[in-house]
Amino acid sequence: MDERAEVFVVSDGTGDTAATLSRAAMAQFRTAWRLRTFTDTRSAAQARRIVARAAEAGALLVFTLVNKRLAAVLREAAAEQGVAVVDVLGPLVASVGDHLHAEPLGEPGLLHGFSDAYFQRIEAVEFAVRHDDGANLHTLFRADLVLTGVSRTSKTPLSMYLAQRGLKTGNVPLLPGVEPPRELLDLDRSKVIALLVSSQTLVDVRRARIRAMGASPYASYADPEVVVEELRHARRLIRDNGWRSVEITGRAVEENAARILELRGSD
């Protein structure tokens, strides 16, 4: 049974603000938890459905809704179903309005409108899609970051997550018995982050993948000895090429992305 605490983030925009604040708050507690984000919430029906799900999960509901009427619907539904809520934006907007003697616009998505940052994120996501799993190596040099590692080390989810932060991220697999492509080896090594995972975790993940595909879970792809050798080879490549690495075992995508961003920020 999953006993992690649940935090639901509800937003009429991207949810980035509430999600960031929720992570900052939860970091103060030694508690296993999970974040679920519900973006572009614009109707009362959507709000009520989310509250119902939060009630079922026993979740804390954190929201940023600039529409006063919609925020009121959510709060009322939460009160009816006994869901704890935190209004991240409402009190601050009200205080700013009082200070400025002005009424807020109440328009969702203004922070993430069609700004340069918005188009940067769109371009980064398109880049990540085009350069997933070693594709289009001839333009890999244009990446801000390149993730590498053996199969099933979360390269694709992390690439997409980082792209949402505006970083053009490619990923290239390290294949057993095959030298890494020259395009990867020729990159500035500060751009490359290698992903590592424990051998047992990798065996479990690969066996689950094989079962989902309807094949034997004991194929060589998930053989423990093969996996150990693959990881040993990967560590050798990391050392020889001077790449930095992130250990992803037991961590969520958000946590691993944060570590990667820390490494990048230390350049």
C-alpha atoms as a PDB file:
ATOM      1  CA  MET A   1       0.000   0.000   0.000  1.00  0.00           C
ATOM      2  CA  ASP A   2       1.319   3.480  -0.958  1.00  0.00           C
ATOM      3  CA  GLU A   3       1.430   5.568   2.248  1.00  0.00           C
ATOM      4  CA  ARG A   4       2.943   8.695   0.718  1.00  0.00           C
ATOM      5  CA  ALA A   5       1.263  12.009   1.485  1.00  0.00           C
ATOM      6  CA  GLU A   6      -0.602  13.480  -1.470  1.00  0.00           C
ATOM      7  CA  VAL A   7      -0.420  17.135  -2.505  1.00  0.00           C
ATOM      8  CA  PHE A   8      -2.747  18.264  -5.290  1.00  0.00           C
ATOM      9  CA  VAL A   9      -1.791  21.474  -7.098  1.00  0.00           C
ATOM     10  CA  VAL A  10      -4.655  23.165  -8.943  1.00  0.00           C
ATOM     11  CA  SER A  11      -4.079  26.072 -11.299  1.00  0.00           C
ATOM     12  CA  ASP A  12      -5.781  27.941 -14.112  1.00  0.00           C
ATOM     13  CA  GLY A  13      -2.324  28.220 -15.711  1.00  0.00           C
ATOM     14  CA  THR A  14       0.757  26.002 -15.667  1.00  0.00           C
ATOM     15  CA  GLY A  15       0.769  25.309 -11.927  1.00  0.00           C
ATOM     16  CA  ASP A  16       4.514  26.028 -11.741  1.00  0.00           C
ATOM     17  CA  THR A  17       4.167  28.624  -8.969  1.00  0.00           C
ATOM     18  CA  ALA A  18       2.115  26.442  -6.618  1.00  0.00           C
ATOM     19  CA  ALA A  19       4.189  23.362  -7.429  1.00  0.00           C
ATOM     20  CA  THR A  20       7.450  25.145  -6.603  1.00  0.00           C
ATOM     21  CA  LEU A  21       6.102  26.477  -3.324  1.00  0.00           C
ATOM     22  CA  SER A  22       4.677  23.071  -2.414  1.00  0.00           C
ATOM     23  CA  ARG A  23       8.049  21.414  -2.972  1.00  0.00           C
ATOM     24  CA  ALA A  24       9.759  24.075  -0.877  1.00  0.00           C
ATOM     25  CA  ALA A  25       7.297  23.482   1.971  1.00  0.00           C
ATOM     26  CA  MET A  26       7.414  19.684   1.796  1.00  0.00           C
ATOM     27  CA  ALA A  27      11.214  19.726   1.810  1.00  0.00           C
ATOM     28  CA  GLN A  28      10.968  20.778   5.462  1.00  0.00           C
ATOM     29  CA  PHE A  29       9.453  17.428   6.423  1.00  0.00           C
ATOM     30  CA  ARG A  30      10.952  13.948   6.409  1.00  0.00           C
ATOM     31  CA  THR A  31       7.834  12.536   4.816  1.00  0.00           C
ATOM     32  CA  ALA A  32       7.365  10.528   1.644  1.00  0.00           C
ATOM     33  CA  TRP A  33       4.996  12.456  -0.595  1.00  0.00           C
ATOM     34  CA  ARG A  34       3.678  12.763  -4.112  1.00  0.00           C
ATOM     35  CA  LEU A  35       2.692  15.846  -6.090  1.00  0.00           C
ATOM     36  CA  ARG A  36      -0.133  15.843  -8.640  1.00  0.00           C
ATOM     37  CA  THR A  37      -0.683  18.896 -10.811  1.00  0.00           C
ATOM     38  CA  PHE A  38      -3.998  19.877 -12.421  1.00  0.00           C
ATOM     39  CA  THR A  39      -3.368  22.674 -14.919  1.00  0.00           C
ATOM     40  CA  ASP A  40      -5.715  24.891 -16.985  1.00  0.00           C
ATOM     41  CA  THR A  41      -8.567  24.502 -14.505  1.00  0.00           C
ATOM     42  CA  ARG A  42     -11.147  26.965 -15.813  1.00  0.00           C
ATOM     43  CA  SER A  43     -14.606  25.594 -14.901  1.00  0.00           C
ATOM     44  CA  ALA A  44     -16.571  24.875 -11.734  1.00  0.00           C
ATOM     45  CA  ALA A  45     -17.117  21.288 -12.878  1.00  0.00           C
ATOM     46  CA  GLN A  46     -13.352  20.752 -13.202  1.00  0.00           C
ATOM     47  CA  ALA A  47     -12.759  22.205  -9.753  1.00  0.00           C
ATOM     48  CA  ARG A  48     -15.392  19.989  -8.132  1.00  0.00           C
ATOM     49  CA  ARG A  49     -14.003  16.862  -9.800  1.00  0.00           C
ATOM     50  CA  ILE A  50     -10.517  17.635  -8.542  1.00  0.00           C
ATOM     51  CA  VAL A  51     -11.788  18.248  -5.012  1.00  0.00           C
ATOM     52  CA  ALA A  52     -13.590  14.897  -5.117  1.00  0.00           C
ATOM     53  CA  ARG A  53     -10.354  13.170  -6.131  1.00  0.00           C
ATOM     54  CA  ALA A  54      -8.468  14.989  -3.372  1.00  0.00           C
ATOM     55  CA  ALA A  55     -11.052  13.807  -0.853  1.00  0.00           C
ATOM     56  CA  GLU A  56     -10.615  10.200  -1.994  1.00  0.00           C
ATOM     57  CA  ALA A  57      -6.817  10.470  -1.740  1.00  0.00           C
ATOM     58  CA  GLY A  58      -6.811  12.383   1.557  1.00  0.00           C
ATOM     59  CA  ALA A  59      -4.723  15.026  -0.196  1.00  0.00           C
ATOM     60  CA  LEU A  60      -3.788  18.570   0.713  1.00  0.00           C
ATOM     61  CA  LEU A  61      -5.021  20.851  -2.073  1.00  0.00           C
ATOM     62  CA  VAL A  62      -2.845  23.847  -3.003  1.00  0.00           C
ATOM     63  CA  PHE A  63      -4.269  26.210  -5.602  1.00  0.00           C
ATOM     64  CA  THR A  64      -3.566  29.309  -7.668  1.00  0.00           C
ATOM     65  CA  LEU A  65      -6.824  30.483  -9.254  1.00  0.00           C
ATOM     66  CA  VAL A  66      -7.108  34.132 -10.218  1.00  0.00           C
ATOM     67  CA  ASN A  67     -10.829  33.882 -10.955  1.00  0.00           C
ATOM     68  CA  LYS A  68     -12.512  34.752  -7.636  1.00  0.00           C
ATOM     69  CA  ARG A  69     -15.722  32.907  -8.490  1.00  0.00           C
ATOM     70  CA  LEU A  70     -13.875  29.706  -9.394  1.00  0.00           C
ATOM     71  CA  ALA A  71     -11.695  29.942  -6.287  1.00  0.00           C
ATOM     72  CA  ALA A  72     -14.849  30.276  -4.191  1.00  0.00           C
ATOM     73  CA  VAL A  73     -16.361  27.180  -5.819  1.00  0.00           C
ATOM     74  CA  LEU A  74     -13.231  25.198  -5.049  1.00  0.00           C
ATOM     75  CA  ARG A  75     -13.108  26.373  -1.433  1.00  0.00           C
ATOM     76  CA  GLU A  76     -16.790  25.580  -0.895  1.00  0.00           C
ATOM     77  CA  ALA A  77     -16.462  22.110  -2.405  1.00  0.00           C
ATOM     78  CA  ALA A  78     -13.383  21.466  -0.283  1.00  0.00           C
ATOM     79  CA  ALA A  79     -15.201  22.557   2.892  1.00  0.00           C
ATOM     80  CA  GLU A  80     -18.120  20.248   2.065  1.00  0.00           C
ATOM     81  CA  GLN A  81     -15.806  17.244   1.570  1.00  0.00           C
ATOM     82  CA  GLY A  82     -13.344  17.985   4.356  1.00  0.00           C
ATOM     83  CA  VAL A  83     -10.380  18.696   2.071  1.00  0.00           C
ATOM     84  CA  ALA A  84      -7.629  20.954   3.448  1.00  0.00           C
ATOM     85  CA  VAL A  85      -6.830  23.793   1.036  1.00  0.00           C
ATOM     86  CA  VAL A  86      -4.132  26.442   0.683  1.00  0.00           C
ATOM     87  CA  ASP A  87      -4.823  29.499  -1.482  1.00  0.00           C
ATOM     88  CA  VAL A  88      -1.337  30.509  -2.603  1.00  0.00           C
ATOM     89  CA  LEU A  89      -2.207  33.496  -4.775  1.00  0.00           C
ATOM     90  CA  GLY A  90      -5.476  34.935  -3.429  1.00  0.00           C
ATOM     91  CA  PRO A  91      -4.256  36.654  -0.249  1.00  0.00           C
ATOM     92  CA  LEU A  92      -1.218  38.123  -2.020  1.00  0.00           C
ATOM     93  CA  VAL A  93      -3.296  39.492  -4.919  1.00  0.00           C
ATOM     94  CA  ALA A  94      -5.780  40.980  -2.432  1.00  0.00           C
ATOM     95  CA  SER A  95      -2.993  42.673  -0.480  1.00  0.00           C
ATOM     96  CA  VAL A  96      -1.426  44.079  -3.652  1.00  0.00           C
ATOM     97  CA  GLY A  97      -4.851  45.357  -4.737  1.00  0.00           C
ATOM     98  CA  ASP A  98      -5.377  47.088  -1.389  1.00  0.00           C
ATOM     99  CA  HIS A  99      -1.932  48.657  -1.569  1.00  0.00           C
ATOM    100  CA  LEU A 100      -2.401  49.878  -5.139  1.00  0.00           C
ATOM    101  CA  HIS A 101      -6.082  50.767  -4.677  1.00  0.00           C
ATOM    102  CA  ALA A 102      -6.766  48.804  -7.843  1.00  0.00           C
ATOM    103  CA  GLU A 103      -8.747  45.787  -8.968  1.00  0.00           C
ATOM    104  CA  PRO A 104      -6.848  42.751 -10.333  1.00  0.00           C
ATOM    105  CA  LEU A 105      -7.496  41.712 -13.933  1.00  0.00           C
ATOM    106  CA  GLY A 106      -8.477  38.180 -12.937  1.00  0.00           C
ATOM    107  CA  GLU A 107      -7.149  36.764 -16.218  1.00  0.00           C
ATOM    108  CA  PRO A 108      -5.552  33.287 -16.025  1.00  0.00           C
ATOM    109  CA  GLY A 109      -2.170  32.592 -17.579  1.00  0.00           C
ATOM    110  CA  LEU A 110      -0.779  36.135 -17.664  1.00  0.00           C
ATOM    111  CA  LEU A 111       2.500  35.103 -16.034  1.00  0.00           C
ATOM    112  CA  HIS A 112       3.065  32.450 -18.691  1.00  0.00           C
ATOM    113  CA  GLY A 113       1.684  34.377 -21.632  1.00  0.00           C
ATOM    114  CA  PHE A 114       3.286  34.591 -25.051  1.00  0.00           C
ATOM    115  CA  SER A 115       6.586  35.894 -23.742  1.00  0.00           C
ATOM    116  CA  ASP A 116      10.102  35.063 -24.875  1.00  0.00           C
ATOM    117  CA  ALA A 117      10.243  32.471 -22.084  1.00  0.00           C
ATOM    118  CA  TYR A 118       7.084  30.806 -23.386  1.00  0.00           C
ATOM    119  CA  PHE A 119       8.485  30.410 -26.883  1.00  0.00           C
ATOM    120  CA  GLN A 120      11.795  29.238 -25.414  1.00  0.00           C
ATOM    121  CA  ARG A 121       9.953  26.404 -23.660  1.00  0.00           C
ATOM    122  CA  ILE A 122       8.113  25.463 -26.850  1.00  0.00           C
ATOM    123  CA  GLU A 123      11.390  25.348 -28.782  1.00  0.00           C
ATOM    124  CA  ALA A 124      13.024  23.286 -26.033  1.00  0.00           C
ATOM    125  CA  VAL A 125      10.205  20.717 -26.009  1.00  0.00           C
ATOM    126  CA  GLU A 126      10.395  20.371 -29.786  1.00  0.00           C
ATOM    127  CA  PHE A 127      14.159  19.896 -29.531  1.00  0.00           C
ATOM    128  CA  ALA A 128      13.759  17.187 -26.864  1.00  0.00           C
ATOM    129  CA  VAL A 129      11.264  15.305 -29.032  1.00  0.00           C
ATOM    130  CA  ARG A 130      13.544  15.465 -32.082  1.00  0.00           C
ATOM    131  CA  HIS A 131      16.611  14.376 -30.107  1.00  0.00           C
ATOM    132  CA  ASP A 132      15.095  11.592 -28.027  1.00  0.00           C
ATOM    133  CA  ASP A 133      16.935   8.275 -27.733  1.00  0.00           C
ATOM    134  CA  GLY A 134      19.877   9.257 -29.935  1.00  0.00           C
ATOM    135  CA  ALA A 135      17.861  10.662 -32.840  1.00  0.00           C
ATOM    136  CA  ASN A 136      19.162  13.473 -35.074  1.00  0.00           C
ATOM    137  CA  LEU A 137      22.712  13.313 -33.757  1.00  0.00           C
ATOM    138  CA  HIS A 138      23.884  15.754 -36.436  1.00  0.00           C
ATOM    139  CA  THR A 139      22.219  18.631 -34.527  1.00  0.00           C
ATOM    140  CA  LEU A 140      22.944  17.403 -30.996  1.00  0.00           C
ATOM    141  CA  PHE A 141      25.601  20.125 -30.621  1.00  0.00           C
ATOM    142  CA  ARG A 142      22.777  22.676 -30.334  1.00  0.00           C
ATOM    143  CA  ALA A 143      21.622  21.187 -27.015  1.00  0.00           C
ATOM    144  CA  ASP A 144      21.926  22.985 -23.709  1.00  0.00           C
ATOM    145  CA  LEU A 145      22.122  19.588 -21.991  1.00  0.00           C
ATOM    146  CA  VAL A 146      22.525  15.989 -23.120  1.00  0.00           C
ATOM    147  CA  LEU A 147      21.567  13.082 -20.870  1.00  0.00           C
ATOM    148  CA  THR A 148      23.172   9.702 -21.351  1.00  0.00           C
ATOM    149  CA  GLY A 149      22.998   6.341 -19.639  1.00  0.00           C
ATOM    150  CA  VAL A 150      22.055   2.723 -20.167  1.00  0.00           C
ATOM    151  CA  SER A 151      18.556   1.728 -21.197  1.00  0.00           C
ATOM    152  CA  ARG A 152      15.705   2.492 -18.723  1.00  0.00           C
ATOM    153  CA  THR A 153      17.417   5.191 -16.693  1.00  0.00           C
ATOM    154  CA  SER A 154      14.643   7.788 -17.166  1.00  0.00           C
ATOM    155  CA  LYS A 155      16.445   9.718 -19.885  1.00  0.00           C
ATOM    156  CA  THR A 156      13.280  10.596 -21.819  1.00  0.00           C
ATOM    157  CA  PRO A 157      11.113  11.740 -18.865  1.00  0.00           C
ATOM    158  CA  LEU A 158      13.965  13.874 -17.562  1.00  0.00           C
ATOM    159  CA  SER A 159      14.626  15.373 -20.987  1.00  0.00           C
ATOM    160  CA  MET A 160      10.982  16.391 -21.313  1.00  0.00           C
ATOM    161  CA  TYR A 161      10.870  17.780 -17.771  1.00  0.00           C
ATOM    162  CA  LEU A 162      13.993  19.885 -18.355  1.00  0.00           C
ATOM    163  CA  ALA A 163      12.595  21.052 -21.682  1.00  0.00           C
ATOM    164  CA  GLN A 164       9.583  22.403 -19.804  1.00  0.00           C
ATOM    165  CA  ARG A 165      12.115  24.557 -17.962  1.00  0.00           C
ATOM    166  CA  GLY A 166      13.325  25.958 -21.278  1.00  0.00           C
ATOM    167  CA  LEU A 167      16.460  23.822 -21.669  1.00  0.00           C
ATOM    168  CA  LYS A 168      17.035  22.163 -25.031  1.00  0.00           C
ATOM    169  CA  THR A 169      17.800  18.642 -23.852  1.00  0.00           C
ATOM    170  CA  GLY A 170      18.793  15.628 -25.923  1.00  0.00           C
ATOM    171  CA  ASN A 171      19.409  12.111 -24.726  1.00  0.00           C
ATOM    172  CA  VAL A 172      21.671   9.377 -26.058  1.00  0.00           C
ATOM    173  CA  PRO A 173      21.646   5.756 -24.832  1.00  0.00           C
ATOM    174  CA  LEU A 174      24.776   3.863 -23.891  1.00  0.00           C
ATOM    175  CA  LEU A 175      24.414   0.516 -25.637  1.00  0.00           C
ATOM    176  CA  PRO A 176      26.227  -2.660 -24.570  1.00  0.00           C
ATOM    177  CA  GLY A 177      29.080  -3.581 -26.883  1.00  0.00           C
ATOM    178  CA  VAL A 178      28.723  -0.350 -28.896  1.00  0.00           C
ATOM    179  CA  GLU A 179      30.947   2.694 -28.630  1.00  0.00           C
ATOM    180  CA  PRO A 180      29.089   5.954 -27.938  1.00  0.00           C
ATOM    181  CA  PRO A 181      28.444   8.030 -31.053  1.00  0.00           C
ATOM    182  CA  ARG A 182      31.133  10.511 -32.012  1.00  0.00           C
ATOM    183  CA  GLU A 183      28.596  13.359 -31.738  1.00  0.00           C
ATOM    184  CA  LEU A 184      28.233  12.627 -28.014  1.00  0.00           C
ATOM    185  CA  LEU A 185      31.955  12.242 -27.403  1.00  0.00           C
ATOM    186  CA  ASP A 186      32.734  15.511 -29.214  1.00  0.00           C
ATOM    187  CA  LEU A 187      30.402  17.585 -27.051  1.00  0.00           C
ATOM    188  CA  ASP A 188      31.699  19.983 -24.416  1.00  0.00           C
ATOM    189  CA  ARG A 189      31.738  17.615 -21.447  1.00  0.00           C
ATOM    190  CA  SER A 190      30.050  20.231 -19.239  1.00  0.00           C
ATOM    191  CA  LYS A 191      26.904  19.701 -21.336  1.00  0.00           C
ATOM    192  CA  VAL A 192      26.718  15.969 -20.658  1.00  0.00           C
ATOM    193  CA  ILE A 193      25.054  14.456 -17.595  1.00  0.00           C
ATOM    194  CA  ALA A 194      25.174  10.676 -17.159  1.00  0.00           C
ATOM    195  CA  LEU A 195      22.380   8.904 -15.292  1.00  0.00           C
ATOM    196  CA  LEU A 196      23.198   6.027 -12.976  1.00  0.00           C
ATOM    197  CA  VAL A 197      20.928   3.619 -11.120  1.00  0.00           C
ATOM    198  CA  SER A 198      21.413   0.643  -8.822  1.00  0.00           C
ATOM    199  CA  SER A 199      21.680  -2.704 -10.590  1.00  0.00           C
ATOM    200  CA  GLN A 200      18.720  -4.207  -8.683  1.00  0.00           C
ATOM    201  CA  THR A 201      16.457  -1.276  -9.518  1.00  0.00           C
ATOM    202  CA  LEU A 202      17.444  -1.518 -13.161  1.00  0.00           C
ATOM    203  CA  VAL A 203      16.763  -5.267 -13.240  1.00  0.00           C
ATOM    204  CA  ASP A 204      13.309  -4.697 -11.715  1.00  0.00           C
ATOM    205  CA  VAL A 205      12.461  -1.899 -14.151  1.00  0.00           C
ATOM    206  CA  ARG A 206      13.613  -3.905 -17.162  1.00  0.00           C
ATOM    207  CA  ARG A 207      11.709  -7.014 -16.083  1.00  0.00           C
ATOM    208  CA  ALA A 208       8.547  -4.949 -15.715  1.00  0.00           C
ATOM    209  CA  ARG A 209       9.144  -3.545 -19.193  1.00  0.00           C
ATOM    210  CA  ILE A 210       9.625  -7.012 -20.677  1.00  0.00           C
ATOM    211  CA  ARG A 211       6.467  -8.320 -19.012  1.00  0.00           C
ATOM    212  CA  ALA A 212       4.512  -5.374 -20.401  1.00  0.00           C
ATOM    213  CA  MET A 213       5.743  -6.337 -23.861  1.00  0.00           C
ATOM    214  CA  GLY A 214       4.672  -9.963 -23.348  1.00  0.00           C
ATOM    215  CA  ALA A 215       8.178 -11.451 -23.349  1.00  0.00           C
ATOM    216  CA  SER A 216      10.063 -13.552 -20.811  1.00  0.00           C
ATOM    217  CA  PRO A 217      11.122 -11.480 -17.781  1.00  0.00           C
ATOM    218  CA  TYR A 218      14.407 -13.380 -17.700  1.00  0.00           C
ATOM    219  CA  ALA A 219      15.675 -12.323 -21.119  1.00  0.00           C
ATOM    220  CA  SER A 220      19.311 -11.166 -21.246  1.00  0.00           C
ATOM    221  CA  TYR A 221      18.116  -7.538 -21.249  1.00  0.00           C
ATOM    222  CA  ALA A 222      17.123  -8.005 -17.591  1.00  0.00           C
ATOM    223  CA  ASP A 223      19.727 -10.585 -16.601  1.00  0.00           C
ATOM    224  CA  PRO A 224      21.410  -9.367 -13.386  1.00  0.00           C
ATOM    225  CA  GLU A 225      24.932 -10.232 -14.589  1.00  0.00           C
ATOM    226  CA  VAL A 226      24.338  -8.435 -17.888  1.00  0.00           C
ATOM    227  CA  VAL A 227      22.966  -5.398 -16.071  1.00  0.00           C
ATOM    228  CA  VAL A 228      25.941  -5.241 -13.697  1.00  0.00           C
ATOM    229  CA  GLU A 229      28.344  -5.385 -16.646  1.00  0.00           C
ATOM    230  CA  GLU A 230      26.414  -2.672 -18.515  1.00  0.00           C
ATOM    231  CA  LEU A 231      26.590  -0.372 -15.502  1.00  0.00           C
ATOM    232  CA  ARG A 232      30.286  -1.124 -15.014  1.00  0.00           C
ATOM    233  CA  HIS A 233      30.912  -0.218 -18.665  1.00  0.00           C
ATOM    234  CA  ALA A 234      28.840   2.962 -18.283  1.00  0.00           C
ATOM    235  CA  ARG A 235      30.835   4.056 -15.232  1.00  0.00           C
ATOM    236  CA  ARG A 236      34.051   3.472 -17.153  1.00  0.00           C
ATOM    237  CA  LEU A 237      32.803   5.687 -20.002  1.00  0.00           C
ATOM    238  CA  ILE A 238      31.748   8.377 -17.542  1.00  0.00           C
ATOM    239  CA  ARG A 239      35.178   8.368 -15.931  1.00  0.00           C
ATOM    240  CA  ASP A 240      37.115   8.286 -19.206  1.00  0.00           C
ATOM    241  CA  ASN A 241      35.117  11.155 -20.723  1.00  0.00           C
ATOM    242  CA  GLY A 242      34.987  13.318 -17.618  1.00  0.00           C
ATOM    243  CA  TRP A 243      31.180  13.443 -17.567  1.00  0.00           C
ATOM    244  CA  ARG A 244      29.304  14.373 -14.442  1.00  0.00           C
ATOM    245  CA  SER A 245      26.708  11.908 -13.205  1.00  0.00           C
ATOM    246  CA  VAL A 246      23.485  11.800 -11.199  1.00  0.00           C
ATOM    247  CA  GLU A 247      22.376   8.780  -9.190  1.00  0.00           C
ATOM    248  CA  ILE A 248      18.633   8.452  -9.845  1.00  0.00           C
ATOM    249  CA  THR A 249      17.836   5.440  -7.661  1.00  0.00           C
ATOM    250  CA  GLY A 250      14.778   5.954  -5.466  1.00  0.00           C
ATOM    251  CA  ARG A 251      14.206   9.545  -6.541  1.00  0.00           C
ATOM    252  CA  ALA A 252      11.338  11.156  -8.445  1.00  0.00           C
ATOM    253  CA  VAL A 253      11.846  12.882 -11.798  1.00  0.00           C
ATOM    254  CA  GLU A 254      11.507  16.276 -10.108  1.00  0.00           C
ATOM    255  CA  GLU A 255      14.262  15.479  -7.614  1.00  0.00           C
ATOM    256  CA  ASN A 256      16.640  14.224 -10.295  1.00  0.00           C
ATOM    257  CA  ALA A 257      15.917  17.248 -12.478  1.00  0.00           C
ATOM    258  CA  ALA A 258      16.685  19.542  -9.540  1.00  0.00           C
ATOM    259  CA  ARG A 259      20.049  17.826  -9.048  1.00  0.00           C
ATOM    260  CA  ILE A 260      20.849  18.166 -12.752  1.00  0.00           C
ATOM    261  CA  LEU A 261      19.997  21.859 -12.639  1.00  0.00           C
ATOM    262  CA  GLU A 262      22.251  22.260  -9.599  1.00  0.00           C
ATOM    263  CA  LEU A 263      25.135  20.680 -11.497  1.00  0.00           C
ATOM    264  CA  ARG A 264      24.469  22.914 -14.482  1.00  0.00           C
ATOM    265  CA  GLY A 265      24.303  25.987 -12.266  1.00  0.00           C
ATOM    266  CA  SER A 266      27.705  25.159 -10.783  1.00  0.00           C
ATOM    267  CA  ASP A 267      29.451  25.624 -14.167  1.00  0.00           C
END
